[in-house]
């Protein structure tokens, strides 16, 4: 198999396909979540972003866009304001929607892959 190549510019060229193991992309600091991130794809208009994340923070966030997330390591506790509290572990997935406010508690080894969808350019990652 060819070596993995990230496509963070969002090129729509059919020959530029981002692929590989979730942890094989180029990682950078992600201080907002006390971790690191690897952006796999960002659409040319910035309204769709896919990436991998290693996080260990406790934080509250109001979603400016939708997010689908799949847990690849560790666990995360998520309490949706006015809703339920769920604990997600390796192999679990979740979908948060724009406008939800969520309190998060990440385990020290928490990691995920996520896709963000917005009506405006996604700026949270």
PDB file of N, CA and C in Angstrom:
ATOM      1  N   UNK A   1       0.848  -1.170   0.000  1.00  0.00           N
ATOM      2  CA  UNK A   1       0.000   0.000   0.000  1.00  0.00           C
ATOM      3  C   UNK A   1       0.896   1.236   0.000  1.00  0.00           C
ATOM      4  N   UNK A   2       0.548   2.266  -0.802  1.00  0.00           N
ATOM      5  CA  UNK A   2       1.344   3.497  -0.807  1.00  0.00           C
ATOM      6  C   UNK A   2       1.316   4.170   0.562  1.00  0.00           C
ATOM      7  N   UNK A   3       2.284   5.010   0.807  1.00  0.00           N
ATOM      8  CA  UNK A   3       2.341   5.738   2.064  1.00  0.00           C
ATOM      9  C   UNK A   3       1.169   6.720   2.157  1.00  0.00           C
ATOM     10  N   UNK A   4       0.608   6.901   3.363  1.00  0.00           N
ATOM     11  CA  UNK A   4      -0.527   7.801   3.569  1.00  0.00           C
ATOM     12  C   UNK A   4      -0.144   9.239   3.265  1.00  0.00           C
ATOM     13  N   UNK A   5      -1.097   9.977   2.722  1.00  0.00           N
ATOM     14  CA  UNK A   5      -0.874  11.376   2.413  1.00  0.00           C
ATOM     15  C   UNK A   5      -2.071  12.190   2.879  1.00  0.00           C
ATOM     16  N   UNK A   6      -1.816  13.181   3.686  1.00  0.00           N
ATOM     17  CA  UNK A   6      -2.893  14.072   4.119  1.00  0.00           C
ATOM     18  C   UNK A   6      -3.249  15.020   2.981  1.00  0.00           C
ATOM     19  N   UNK A   7      -4.441  15.564   3.036  1.00  0.00           N
ATOM     20  CA  UNK A   7      -4.921  16.482   2.020  1.00  0.00           C
ATOM     21  C   UNK A   7      -5.577  17.679   2.706  1.00  0.00           C
ATOM     22  N   UNK A   8      -4.854  18.390   3.581  1.00  0.00           N
ATOM     23  CA  UNK A   8      -5.476  19.453   4.374  1.00  0.00           C
ATOM     24  C   UNK A   8      -5.907  20.668   3.567  1.00  0.00           C
ATOM     25  N   UNK A   9      -5.490  20.783   2.317  1.00  0.00           N
ATOM     26  CA  UNK A   9      -5.888  21.933   1.510  1.00  0.00           C
ATOM     27  C   UNK A   9      -7.290  21.786   0.961  1.00  0.00           C
ATOM     28  N   UNK A  10      -7.835  20.565   0.965  1.00  0.00           N
ATOM     29  CA  UNK A  10      -9.187  20.363   0.474  1.00  0.00           C
ATOM     30  C   UNK A  10      -9.288  20.273  -1.022  1.00  0.00           C
ATOM     31  N   UNK A  11      -8.242  19.884  -1.684  1.00  0.00           N
ATOM     32  CA  UNK A  11      -8.263  19.750  -3.134  1.00  0.00           C
ATOM     33  C   UNK A  11      -9.374  18.805  -3.570  1.00  0.00           C
ATOM     34  N   UNK A  12     -10.083  19.157  -4.617  1.00  0.00           N
ATOM     35  CA  UNK A  12     -11.120  18.296  -5.167  1.00  0.00           C
ATOM     36  C   UNK A  12     -10.597  17.416  -6.293  1.00  0.00           C
ATOM     37  N   UNK A  13      -9.277  17.406  -6.498  1.00  0.00           N
ATOM     38  CA  UNK A  13      -8.700  16.578  -7.547  1.00  0.00           C
ATOM     39  C   UNK A  13      -8.939  15.109  -7.223  1.00  0.00           C
ATOM     40  N   UNK A  14      -9.525  14.343  -8.180  1.00  0.00           N
ATOM     41  CA  UNK A  14      -9.819  12.927  -7.914  1.00  0.00           C
ATOM     42  C   UNK A  14      -8.591  12.102  -7.564  1.00  0.00           C
ATOM     43  N   UNK A  15      -7.421  12.505  -8.001  1.00  0.00           N
ATOM     44  CA  UNK A  15      -6.213  11.741  -7.705  1.00  0.00           C
ATOM     45  C   UNK A  15      -5.679  11.997  -6.300  1.00  0.00           C
ATOM     46  N   UNK A  16      -6.224  12.959  -5.580  1.00  0.00           N
ATOM     47  CA  UNK A  16      -5.757  13.308  -4.235  1.00  0.00           C
ATOM     48  C   UNK A  16      -6.731  12.757  -3.196  1.00  0.00           C
ATOM     49  N   UNK A  17      -6.521  11.516  -2.814  1.00  0.00           N
ATOM     50  CA  UNK A  17      -7.396  10.852  -1.859  1.00  0.00           C
ATOM     51  C   UNK A  17      -6.682  10.697  -0.525  1.00  0.00           C
ATOM     52  N   UNK A  18      -7.161  11.345   0.544  1.00  0.00           N
ATOM     53  CA  UNK A  18      -6.543  11.154   1.854  1.00  0.00           C
ATOM     54  C   UNK A  18      -6.941   9.777   2.393  1.00  0.00           C
ATOM     55  N   UNK A  19      -5.953   8.994   2.828  1.00  0.00           N
ATOM     56  CA  UNK A  19      -6.236   7.669   3.366  1.00  0.00           C
ATOM     57  C   UNK A  19      -5.102   7.253   4.292  1.00  0.00           C
ATOM     58  N   UNK A  20      -5.357   6.242   5.078  1.00  0.00           N
ATOM     59  CA  UNK A  20      -4.332   5.708   5.964  1.00  0.00           C
ATOM     60  C   UNK A  20      -4.888   5.403   7.329  1.00  0.00           C
ATOM     61  N   UNK A  21      -4.039   4.884   8.188  1.00  0.00           N
ATOM     62  CA  UNK A  21      -4.441   4.614   9.567  1.00  0.00           C
ATOM     63  C   UNK A  21      -4.718   5.946  10.257  1.00  0.00           C
ATOM     64  N   UNK A  22      -5.621   5.931  11.203  1.00  0.00           N
ATOM     65  CA  UNK A  22      -6.071   7.171  11.846  1.00  0.00           C
ATOM     66  C   UNK A  22      -4.925   7.964  12.455  1.00  0.00           C
ATOM     67  N   UNK A  23      -3.853   7.288  12.874  1.00  0.00           N
ATOM     68  CA  UNK A  23      -2.760   7.993  13.532  1.00  0.00           C
ATOM     69  C   UNK A  23      -1.550   8.219  12.615  1.00  0.00           C
ATOM     70  N   UNK A  24      -1.752   8.049  11.291  1.00  0.00           N
ATOM     71  CA  UNK A  24      -0.625   8.153  10.352  1.00  0.00           C
ATOM     72  C   UNK A  24      -0.462   9.528   9.719  1.00  0.00           C
ATOM     73  N   UNK A  25      -1.315  10.471  10.046  1.00  0.00           N
ATOM     74  CA  UNK A  25      -1.262  11.791   9.428  1.00  0.00           C
ATOM     75  C   UNK A  25      -0.352  12.737  10.222  1.00  0.00           C
ATOM     76  N   UNK A  26      -0.112  13.899   9.699  1.00  0.00           N
ATOM     77  CA  UNK A  26       0.795  14.872  10.304  1.00  0.00           C
ATOM     78  C   UNK A  26       0.131  15.527  11.531  1.00  0.00           C
ATOM     79  N   UNK A  27       0.768  15.382  12.702  1.00  0.00           N
ATOM     80  CA  UNK A  27       0.199  15.865  13.967  1.00  0.00           C
ATOM     81  C   UNK A  27       0.773  17.226  14.343  1.00  0.00           C
ATOM     82  N   UNK A  28      -0.083  18.045  14.964  1.00  0.00           N
ATOM     83  CA  UNK A  28       0.335  19.349  15.484  1.00  0.00           C
ATOM     84  C   UNK A  28      -0.324  19.572  16.840  1.00  0.00           C
ATOM     85  N   UNK A  29       0.168  20.533  17.596  1.00  0.00           N
ATOM     86  CA  UNK A  29      -0.391  20.831  18.915  1.00  0.00           C
ATOM     87  C   UNK A  29      -1.838  21.310  18.791  1.00  0.00           C
ATOM     88  N   UNK A  30      -2.648  20.923  19.770  1.00  0.00           N
ATOM     89  CA  UNK A  30      -4.052  21.313  19.872  1.00  0.00           C
ATOM     90  C   UNK A  30      -4.284  21.759  21.318  1.00  0.00           C
ATOM     91  N   UNK A  31      -3.723  22.939  21.690  1.00  0.00           N
ATOM     92  CA  UNK A  31      -3.724  23.362  23.097  1.00  0.00           C
ATOM     93  C   UNK A  31      -5.110  23.572  23.701  1.00  0.00           C
ATOM     94  N   UNK A  32      -6.104  23.906  22.894  1.00  0.00           N
ATOM     95  CA  UNK A  32      -7.450  24.128  23.418  1.00  0.00           C
ATOM     96  C   UNK A  32      -7.980  22.884  24.127  1.00  0.00           C
ATOM     97  N   UNK A  33      -7.508  21.706  23.719  1.00  0.00           N
ATOM     98  CA  UNK A  33      -7.980  20.448  24.288  1.00  0.00           C
ATOM     99  C   UNK A  33      -6.843  19.650  24.923  1.00  0.00           C
ATOM    100  N   UNK A  34      -5.730  20.352  25.247  1.00  0.00           N
ATOM    101  CA  UNK A  34      -4.584  19.724  25.899  1.00  0.00           C
ATOM    102  C   UNK A  34      -4.145  18.476  25.148  1.00  0.00           C
ATOM    103  N   UNK A  35      -3.965  18.618  23.815  1.00  0.00           N
ATOM    104  CA  UNK A  35      -3.592  17.456  23.031  1.00  0.00           C
ATOM    105  C   UNK A  35      -2.990  17.815  21.685  1.00  0.00           C
ATOM    106  N   UNK A  36      -3.241  16.946  20.710  1.00  0.00           N
ATOM    107  CA  UNK A  36      -2.743  17.133  19.355  1.00  0.00           C
ATOM    108  C   UNK A  36      -3.849  16.810  18.360  1.00  0.00           C
ATOM    109  N   UNK A  37      -3.663  17.305  17.117  1.00  0.00           N
ATOM    110  CA  UNK A  37      -4.642  17.051  16.064  1.00  0.00           C
ATOM    111  C   UNK A  37      -3.909  16.776  14.754  1.00  0.00           C
ATOM    112  N   UNK A  38      -4.575  16.021  13.885  1.00  0.00           N
ATOM    113  CA  UNK A  38      -4.063  15.744  12.544  1.00  0.00           C
ATOM    114  C   UNK A  38      -5.225  15.927  11.580  1.00  0.00           C
ATOM    115  N   UNK A  39      -5.209  17.014  10.830  1.00  0.00           N
ATOM    116  CA  UNK A  39      -6.290  17.282   9.882  1.00  0.00           C
ATOM    117  C   UNK A  39      -6.051  16.450   8.630  1.00  0.00           C
ATOM    118  N   UNK A  40      -7.010  15.608   8.315  1.00  0.00           N
ATOM    119  CA  UNK A  40      -6.922  14.717   7.159  1.00  0.00           C
ATOM    120  C   UNK A  40      -7.464  15.392   5.909  1.00  0.00           C
ATOM    121  N   UNK A  41      -8.512  16.181   6.070  1.00  0.00           N
ATOM    122  CA  UNK A  41      -9.144  16.840   4.930  1.00  0.00           C
ATOM    123  C   UNK A  41      -9.871  18.091   5.393  1.00  0.00           C
ATOM    124  N   UNK A  42      -9.772  19.146   4.609  1.00  0.00           N
ATOM    125  CA  UNK A  42     -10.556  20.372   4.804  1.00  0.00           C
ATOM    126  C   UNK A  42     -11.071  20.756   3.423  1.00  0.00           C
ATOM    127  N   UNK A  43     -12.387  20.875   3.268  1.00  0.00           N
ATOM    128  CA  UNK A  43     -12.963  21.208   1.965  1.00  0.00           C
ATOM    129  C   UNK A  43     -12.519  22.606   1.529  1.00  0.00           C
ATOM    130  N   UNK A  44     -12.504  22.871   0.224  1.00  0.00           N
ATOM    131  CA  UNK A  44     -12.072  24.186  -0.251  1.00  0.00           C
ATOM    132  C   UNK A  44     -12.850  25.350   0.374  1.00  0.00           C
ATOM    133  N   UNK A  45     -14.142  25.150   0.685  1.00  0.00           N
ATOM    134  CA  UNK A  45     -14.931  26.219   1.301  1.00  0.00           C
ATOM    135  C   UNK A  45     -14.827  26.207   2.831  1.00  0.00           C
ATOM    136  N   UNK A  46     -14.110  25.217   3.392  1.00  0.00           N
ATOM    137  CA  UNK A  46     -13.898  25.140   4.832  1.00  0.00           C
ATOM    138  C   UNK A  46     -15.084  24.633   5.631  1.00  0.00           C
ATOM    139  N   UNK A  47     -16.148  24.212   4.982  1.00  0.00           N
ATOM    140  CA  UNK A  47     -17.367  23.805   5.674  1.00  0.00           C
ATOM    141  C   UNK A  47     -17.383  22.340   6.086  1.00  0.00           C
ATOM    142  N   UNK A  48     -16.375  21.573   5.662  1.00  0.00           N
ATOM    143  CA  UNK A  48     -16.238  20.163   6.041  1.00  0.00           C
ATOM    144  C   UNK A  48     -14.788  19.911   6.420  1.00  0.00           C
ATOM    145  N   UNK A  49     -14.594  19.294   7.577  1.00  0.00           N
ATOM    146  CA  UNK A  49     -13.246  18.990   8.054  1.00  0.00           C
ATOM    147  C   UNK A  49     -13.261  17.592   8.661  1.00  0.00           C
ATOM    148  N   UNK A  50     -12.234  16.799   8.338  1.00  0.00           N
ATOM    149  CA  UNK A  50     -12.063  15.471   8.931  1.00  0.00           C
ATOM    150  C   UNK A  50     -10.675  15.405   9.540  1.00  0.00           C
ATOM    151  N   UNK A  51     -10.579  14.797  10.714  1.00  0.00           N
ATOM    152  CA  UNK A  51      -9.272  14.690  11.340  1.00  0.00           C
ATOM    153  C   UNK A  51      -9.260  13.713  12.490  1.00  0.00           C
ATOM    154  N   UNK A  52      -8.071  13.529  13.036  1.00  0.00           N
ATOM    155  CA  UNK A  52      -7.862  12.683  14.208  1.00  0.00           C
ATOM    156  C   UNK A  52      -7.408  13.585  15.358  1.00  0.00           C
ATOM    157  N   UNK A  53      -7.786  13.221  16.564  1.00  0.00           N
ATOM    158  CA  UNK A  53      -7.525  14.077  17.718  1.00  0.00           C
ATOM    159  C   UNK A  53      -7.132  13.243  18.919  1.00  0.00           C
ATOM    160  N   UNK A  54      -6.134  13.724  19.660  1.00  0.00           N
ATOM    161  CA  UNK A  54      -5.760  13.172  20.965  1.00  0.00           C
ATOM    162  C   UNK A  54      -6.004  14.303  21.956  1.00  0.00           C
ATOM    163  N   UNK A  55      -6.879  14.061  22.920  1.00  0.00           N
ATOM    164  CA  UNK A  55      -7.302  15.123  23.824  1.00  0.00           C
ATOM    165  C   UNK A  55      -7.328  14.609  25.260  1.00  0.00           C
ATOM    166  N   UNK A  56      -7.113  15.516  26.220  1.00  0.00           N
ATOM    167  CA  UNK A  56      -7.194  15.104  27.624  1.00  0.00           C
ATOM    168  C   UNK A  56      -7.847  16.173  28.492  1.00  0.00           C
ATOM    169  N   UNK A  57      -8.504  17.128  27.903  1.00  0.00           N
ATOM    170  CA  UNK A  57      -9.068  18.259  28.642  1.00  0.00           C
ATOM    171  C   UNK A  57     -10.427  17.948  29.264  1.00  0.00           C
ATOM    172  N   UNK A  58     -10.803  18.805  30.188  1.00  0.00           N
ATOM    173  CA  UNK A  58     -12.167  18.898  30.687  1.00  0.00           C
ATOM    174  C   UNK A  58     -12.630  20.272  30.230  1.00  0.00           C
ATOM    175  N   UNK A  59     -13.737  20.304  29.482  1.00  0.00           N
ATOM    176  CA  UNK A  59     -14.152  21.576  28.885  1.00  0.00           C
ATOM    177  C   UNK A  59     -15.648  21.577  28.597  1.00  0.00           C
ATOM    178  N   UNK A  60     -16.165  22.778  28.338  1.00  0.00           N
ATOM    179  CA  UNK A  60     -17.552  22.963  27.903  1.00  0.00           C
ATOM    180  C   UNK A  60     -17.520  23.645  26.554  1.00  0.00           C
ATOM    181  N   UNK A  61     -18.350  23.164  25.643  1.00  0.00           N
ATOM    182  CA  UNK A  61     -18.372  23.735  24.297  1.00  0.00           C
ATOM    183  C   UNK A  61     -19.801  23.802  23.778  1.00  0.00           C
ATOM    184  N   UNK A  62     -20.144  24.918  23.124  1.00  0.00           N
ATOM    185  CA  UNK A  62     -21.388  25.022  22.376  1.00  0.00           C
ATOM    186  C   UNK A  62     -21.020  24.839  20.914  1.00  0.00           C
ATOM    187  N   UNK A  63     -21.612  23.850  20.287  1.00  0.00           N
ATOM    188  CA  UNK A  63     -21.238  23.474  18.923  1.00  0.00           C
ATOM    189  C   UNK A  63     -21.647  24.517  17.894  1.00  0.00           C
ATOM    190  N   UNK A  64     -20.679  25.030  17.104  1.00  0.00           N
ATOM    191  CA  UNK A  64     -20.980  25.960  16.021  1.00  0.00           C
ATOM    192  C   UNK A  64     -21.291  25.220  14.715  1.00  0.00           C
ATOM    193  N   UNK A  65     -21.200  23.877  14.753  1.00  0.00           N
ATOM    194  CA  UNK A  65     -21.434  23.034  13.577  1.00  0.00           C
ATOM    195  C   UNK A  65     -21.786  21.635  14.085  1.00  0.00           C
ATOM    196  N   UNK A  66     -22.082  20.715  13.170  1.00  0.00           N
ATOM    197  CA  UNK A  66     -22.321  19.326  13.539  1.00  0.00           C
ATOM    198  C   UNK A  66     -20.991  18.579  13.584  1.00  0.00           C
ATOM    199  N   UNK A  67     -20.926  17.527  14.422  1.00  0.00           N
ATOM    200  CA  UNK A  67     -19.731  16.684  14.502  1.00  0.00           C
ATOM    201  C   UNK A  67     -20.127  15.226  14.649  1.00  0.00           C
ATOM    202  N   UNK A  68     -19.546  14.366  13.814  1.00  0.00           N
ATOM    203  CA  UNK A  68     -19.622  12.921  13.989  1.00  0.00           C
ATOM    204  C   UNK A  68     -18.264  12.481  14.498  1.00  0.00           C
ATOM    205  N   UNK A  69     -18.233  11.697  15.570  1.00  0.00           N
ATOM    206  CA  UNK A  69     -16.962  11.304  16.172  1.00  0.00           C
ATOM    207  C   UNK A  69     -16.972   9.814  16.499  1.00  0.00           C
ATOM    208  N   UNK A  70     -15.805   9.170  16.277  1.00  0.00           N
ATOM    209  CA  UNK A  70     -15.594   7.753  16.570  1.00  0.00           C
ATOM    210  C   UNK A  70     -14.404   7.650  17.519  1.00  0.00           C
ATOM    211  N   UNK A  71     -14.592   7.009  18.667  1.00  0.00           N
ATOM    212  CA  UNK A  71     -13.546   6.896  19.680  1.00  0.00           C
ATOM    213  C   UNK A  71     -12.559   5.801  19.275  1.00  0.00           C
ATOM    214  N   UNK A  72     -11.280   6.160  19.158  1.00  0.00           N
ATOM    215  CA  UNK A  72     -10.246   5.200  18.779  1.00  0.00           C
ATOM    216  C   UNK A  72      -9.417   4.731  19.973  1.00  0.00           C
ATOM    217  N   UNK A  73      -9.452   5.456  21.098  1.00  0.00           N
ATOM    218  CA  UNK A  73      -8.725   5.054  22.305  1.00  0.00           C
ATOM    219  C   UNK A  73      -9.309   5.780  23.513  1.00  0.00           C
ATOM    220  N   UNK A  74      -9.202   5.155  24.677  1.00  0.00           N
ATOM    221  CA  UNK A  74      -9.640   5.802  25.909  1.00  0.00           C
ATOM    222  C   UNK A  74     -11.140   5.968  26.001  1.00  0.00           C
ATOM    223  N   UNK A  75     -11.550   7.026  26.711  1.00  0.00           N
ATOM    224  CA  UNK A  75     -12.977   7.285  26.899  1.00  0.00           C
ATOM    225  C   UNK A  75     -13.217   8.782  27.084  1.00  0.00           C
ATOM    226  N   UNK A  76     -14.473   9.161  26.894  1.00  0.00           N
ATOM    227  CA  UNK A  76     -14.892  10.548  27.105  1.00  0.00           C
ATOM    228  C   UNK A  76     -16.309  10.535  27.681  1.00  0.00           C
ATOM    229  N   UNK A  77     -16.512  11.356  28.695  1.00  0.00           N
ATOM    230  CA  UNK A  77     -17.838  11.539  29.282  1.00  0.00           C
ATOM    231  C   UNK A  77     -18.393  12.833  28.712  1.00  0.00           C
ATOM    232  N   UNK A  78     -19.613  12.786  28.188  1.00  0.00           N
ATOM    233  CA  UNK A  78     -20.238  13.960  27.576  1.00  0.00           C
ATOM    234  C   UNK A  78     -21.610  14.183  28.204  1.00  0.00           C
ATOM    235  N   UNK A  79     -21.786  15.376  28.782  1.00  0.00           N
ATOM    236  CA  UNK A  79     -23.086  15.747  29.348  1.00  0.00           C
ATOM    237  C   UNK A  79     -23.665  16.865  28.488  1.00  0.00           C
ATOM    238  N   UNK A  80     -24.777  16.570  27.809  1.00  0.00           N
ATOM    239  CA  UNK A  80     -25.458  17.567  26.979  1.00  0.00           C
ATOM    240  C   UNK A  80     -26.360  18.388  27.882  1.00  0.00           C
ATOM    241  N   UNK A  81     -26.181  19.713  27.892  1.00  0.00           N
ATOM    242  CA  UNK A  81     -27.021  20.582  28.725  1.00  0.00           C
ATOM    243  C   UNK A  81     -28.480  20.368  28.347  1.00  0.00           C
ATOM    244  N   UNK A  82     -29.302  20.097  29.362  1.00  0.00           N
ATOM    245  CA  UNK A  82     -30.720  19.840  29.139  1.00  0.00           C
ATOM    246  C   UNK A  82     -30.998  18.452  28.604  1.00  0.00           C
ATOM    247  N   UNK A  83     -29.990  17.606  28.540  1.00  0.00           N
ATOM    248  CA  UNK A  83     -30.141  16.259  27.990  1.00  0.00           C
ATOM    249  C   UNK A  83     -29.414  15.228  28.813  1.00  0.00           C
ATOM    250  N   UNK A  84     -29.017  14.175  28.154  1.00  0.00           N
ATOM    251  CA  UNK A  84     -28.403  13.058  28.865  1.00  0.00           C
ATOM    252  C   UNK A  84     -26.886  13.155  28.971  1.00  0.00           C
ATOM    253  N   UNK A  85     -26.328  12.293  29.816  1.00  0.00           N
ATOM    254  CA  UNK A  85     -24.893  12.142  29.956  1.00  0.00           C
ATOM    255  C   UNK A  85     -24.533  10.764  29.426  1.00  0.00           C
ATOM    256  N   UNK A  86     -23.516  10.712  28.564  1.00  0.00           N
ATOM    257  CA  UNK A  86     -23.070   9.439  28.008  1.00  0.00           C
ATOM    258  C   UNK A  86     -21.560   9.315  28.201  1.00  0.00           C
ATOM    259  N   UNK A  87     -21.110   8.100  28.397  1.00  0.00           N
ATOM    260  CA  UNK A  87     -19.685   7.812  28.431  1.00  0.00           C
ATOM    261  C   UNK A  87     -19.380   6.957  27.215  1.00  0.00           C
ATOM    262  N   UNK A  88     -18.484   7.457  26.372  1.00  0.00           N
ATOM    263  CA  UNK A  88     -18.110   6.768  25.138  1.00  0.00           C
ATOM    264  C   UNK A  88     -16.734   6.151  25.319  1.00  0.00           C
ATOM    265  N   UNK A  89     -16.586   4.897  24.877  1.00  0.00           N
ATOM    266  CA  UNK A  89     -15.326   4.178  24.988  1.00  0.00           C
ATOM    267  C   UNK A  89     -14.873   3.739  23.598  1.00  0.00           C
ATOM    268  N   UNK A  90     -13.669   3.200  23.518  1.00  0.00           N
ATOM    269  CA  UNK A  90     -13.108   2.752  22.255  1.00  0.00           C
ATOM    270  C   UNK A  90     -14.138   1.942  21.469  1.00  0.00           C
ATOM    271  N   UNK A  91     -14.347   2.348  20.209  1.00  0.00           N
ATOM    272  CA  UNK A  91     -15.305   1.677  19.337  1.00  0.00           C
ATOM    273  C   UNK A  91     -16.670   2.328  19.295  1.00  0.00           C
ATOM    274  N   UNK A  92     -16.958   3.256  20.221  1.00  0.00           N
ATOM    275  CA  UNK A  92     -18.246   3.949  20.237  1.00  0.00           C
ATOM    276  C   UNK A  92     -18.206   5.161  19.309  1.00  0.00           C
ATOM    277  N   UNK A  93     -19.387   5.587  18.863  1.00  0.00           N
ATOM    278  CA  UNK A  93     -19.474   6.799  18.049  1.00  0.00           C
ATOM    279  C   UNK A  93     -20.617   7.663  18.556  1.00  0.00           C
ATOM    280  N   UNK A  94     -20.590   8.945  18.144  1.00  0.00           N
ATOM    281  CA  UNK A  94     -21.579   9.914  18.603  1.00  0.00           C
ATOM    282  C   UNK A  94     -21.758  10.983  17.523  1.00  0.00           C
ATOM    283  N   UNK A  95     -22.925  11.618  17.516  1.00  0.00           N
ATOM    284  CA  UNK A  95     -23.192  12.733  16.597  1.00  0.00           C
ATOM    285  C   UNK A  95     -23.735  13.890  17.418  1.00  0.00           C
ATOM    286  N   UNK A  96     -22.994  15.003  17.451  1.00  0.00           N
ATOM    287  CA  UNK A  96     -23.446  16.224  18.119  1.00  0.00           C
ATOM    288  C   UNK A  96     -23.938  17.193  17.056  1.00  0.00           C
ATOM    289  N   UNK A  97     -24.958  17.995  17.399  1.00  0.00           N
ATOM    290  CA  UNK A  97     -25.521  18.929  16.425  1.00  0.00           C
ATOM    291  C   UNK A  97     -25.248  20.379  16.822  1.00  0.00           C
ATOM    292  N   UNK A  98     -25.229  21.216  15.812  1.00  0.00           N
ATOM    293  CA  UNK A  98     -25.015  22.647  15.992  1.00  0.00           C
ATOM    294  C   UNK A  98     -25.965  23.181  17.059  1.00  0.00           C
ATOM    295  N   UNK A  99     -25.411  23.968  18.000  1.00  0.00           N
ATOM    296  CA  UNK A  99     -26.212  24.580  19.052  1.00  0.00           C
ATOM    297  C   UNK A  99     -26.214  23.827  20.363  1.00  0.00           C
ATOM    298  N   UNK A 100     -25.865  22.539  20.364  1.00  0.00           N
ATOM    299  CA  UNK A 100     -25.806  21.800  21.617  1.00  0.00           C
ATOM    300  C   UNK A 100     -24.642  22.300  22.456  1.00  0.00           C
ATOM    301  N   UNK A 101     -24.869  22.421  23.764  1.00  0.00           N
ATOM    302  CA  UNK A 101     -23.792  22.746  24.693  1.00  0.00           C
ATOM    303  C   UNK A 101     -23.481  21.474  25.464  1.00  0.00           C
ATOM    304  N   UNK A 102     -22.191  21.116  25.485  1.00  0.00           N
ATOM    305  CA  UNK A 102     -21.772  19.842  26.059  1.00  0.00           C
ATOM    306  C   UNK A 102     -20.583  20.052  26.994  1.00  0.00           C
ATOM    307  N   UNK A 103     -20.656  19.424  28.184  1.00  0.00           N
ATOM    308  CA  UNK A 103     -19.528  19.369  29.114  1.00  0.00           C
ATOM    309  C   UNK A 103     -18.788  18.063  28.827  1.00  0.00           C
ATOM    310  N   UNK A 104     -17.462  18.149  28.657  1.00  0.00           N
ATOM    311  CA  UNK A 104     -16.645  16.983  28.336  1.00  0.00           C
ATOM    312  C   UNK A 104     -15.628  16.709  29.427  1.00  0.00           C
ATOM    313  N   UNK A 105     -15.369  15.424  29.673  1.00  0.00           N
ATOM    314  CA  UNK A 105     -14.275  14.958  30.524  1.00  0.00           C
ATOM    315  C   UNK A 105     -13.566  13.862  29.747  1.00  0.00           C
ATOM    316  N   UNK A 106     -12.346  14.146  29.277  1.00  0.00           N
ATOM    317  CA  UNK A 106     -11.568  13.177  28.495  1.00  0.00           C
ATOM    318  C   UNK A 106     -10.639  12.388  29.408  1.00  0.00           C
ATOM    319  N   UNK A 107     -10.489  11.093  29.124  1.00  0.00           N
ATOM    320  CA  UNK A 107      -9.461  10.317  29.823  1.00  0.00           C
ATOM    321  C   UNK A 107      -8.099  10.766  29.298  1.00  0.00           C
ATOM    322  N   UNK A 108      -7.046  10.464  30.025  1.00  0.00           N
ATOM    323  CA  UNK A 108      -5.695  10.882  29.620  1.00  0.00           C
ATOM    324  C   UNK A 108      -5.292  10.303  28.269  1.00  0.00           C
ATOM    325  N   UNK A 109      -5.836   9.140  27.915  1.00  0.00           N
ATOM    326  CA  UNK A 109      -5.463   8.474  26.661  1.00  0.00           C
ATOM    327  C   UNK A 109      -6.536   8.586  25.582  1.00  0.00           C
ATOM    328  N   UNK A 110      -7.455   9.541  25.725  1.00  0.00           N
ATOM    329  CA  UNK A 110      -8.568   9.671  24.771  1.00  0.00           C
ATOM    330  C   UNK A 110      -8.087  10.094  23.385  1.00  0.00           C
ATOM    331  N   UNK A 111      -8.629   9.422  22.356  1.00  0.00           N
ATOM    332  CA  UNK A 111      -8.351   9.777  20.962  1.00  0.00           C
ATOM    333  C   UNK A 111      -9.588   9.466  20.135  1.00  0.00           C
ATOM    334  N   UNK A 112      -9.765  10.214  19.038  1.00  0.00           N
ATOM    335  CA  UNK A 112     -10.931  10.013  18.181  1.00  0.00           C
ATOM    336  C   UNK A 112     -10.634  10.448  16.761  1.00  0.00           C
ATOM    337  N   UNK A 113     -11.509  10.033  15.858  1.00  0.00           N
ATOM    338  CA  UNK A 113     -11.542  10.603  14.525  1.00  0.00           C
ATOM    339  C   UNK A 113     -12.897  11.285  14.411  1.00  0.00           C
ATOM    340  N   UNK A 114     -12.905  12.483  13.832  1.00  0.00           N
ATOM    341  CA  UNK A 114     -14.141  13.259  13.755  1.00  0.00           C
ATOM    342  C   UNK A 114     -14.283  13.915  12.394  1.00  0.00           C
ATOM    343  N   UNK A 115     -15.546  14.115  12.025  1.00  0.00           N
ATOM    344  CA  UNK A 115     -15.878  14.863  10.821  1.00  0.00           C
ATOM    345  C   UNK A 115     -16.813  15.979  11.258  1.00  0.00           C
ATOM    346  N   UNK A 116     -16.486  17.199  10.842  1.00  0.00           N
ATOM    347  CA  UNK A 116     -17.272  18.384  11.183  1.00  0.00           C
ATOM    348  C   UNK A 116     -17.956  18.912   9.932  1.00  0.00           C
ATOM    349  N   UNK A 117     -19.239  19.289  10.067  1.00  0.00           N
ATOM    350  CA  UNK A 117     -20.037  19.806   8.967  1.00  0.00           C
ATOM    351  C   UNK A 117     -20.640  21.131   9.398  1.00  0.00           C
ATOM    352  N   UNK A 118     -20.442  22.193   8.620  1.00  0.00           N
ATOM    353  CA  UNK A 118     -21.005  23.479   8.998  1.00  0.00           C
ATOM    354  C   UNK A 118     -21.623  24.205   7.817  1.00  0.00           C
ATOM    355  N   UNK A 119     -22.423  25.213   8.133  1.00  0.00           N
ATOM    356  CA  UNK A 119     -22.967  26.080   7.087  1.00  0.00           C
ATOM    357  C   UNK A 119     -22.017  27.245   6.823  1.00  0.00           C
ATOM    358  N   UNK A 120     -21.074  27.431   7.765  1.00  0.00           N
ATOM    359  CA  UNK A 120     -19.986  28.403   7.650  1.00  0.00           C
ATOM    360  C   UNK A 120     -18.686  27.618   7.751  1.00  0.00           C
ATOM    361  N   UNK A 121     -17.558  28.212   7.384  1.00  0.00           N
ATOM    362  CA  UNK A 121     -16.294  27.494   7.557  1.00  0.00           C
ATOM    363  C   UNK A 121     -16.098  27.041   9.002  1.00  0.00           C
ATOM    364  N   UNK A 122     -15.641  25.807   9.163  1.00  0.00           N
ATOM    365  CA  UNK A 122     -15.404  25.209  10.470  1.00  0.00           C
ATOM    366  C   UNK A 122     -14.110  25.793  11.044  1.00  0.00           C
ATOM    367  N   UNK A 123     -14.227  26.431  12.196  1.00  0.00           N
ATOM    368  CA  UNK A 123     -13.066  27.091  12.809  1.00  0.00           C
ATOM    369  C   UNK A 123     -12.649  26.469  14.129  1.00  0.00           C
ATOM    370  N   UNK A 124     -13.377  25.458  14.612  1.00  0.00           N
ATOM    371  CA  UNK A 124     -13.064  24.897  15.919  1.00  0.00           C
ATOM    372  C   UNK A 124     -11.874  23.961  15.887  1.00  0.00           C
ATOM    373  N   UNK A 125     -11.452  23.532  14.692  1.00  0.00           N
ATOM    374  CA  UNK A 125     -10.257  22.684  14.553  1.00  0.00           C
ATOM    375  C   UNK A 125      -9.359  23.219  13.459  1.00  0.00           C
TER     376      UNK A 125
END
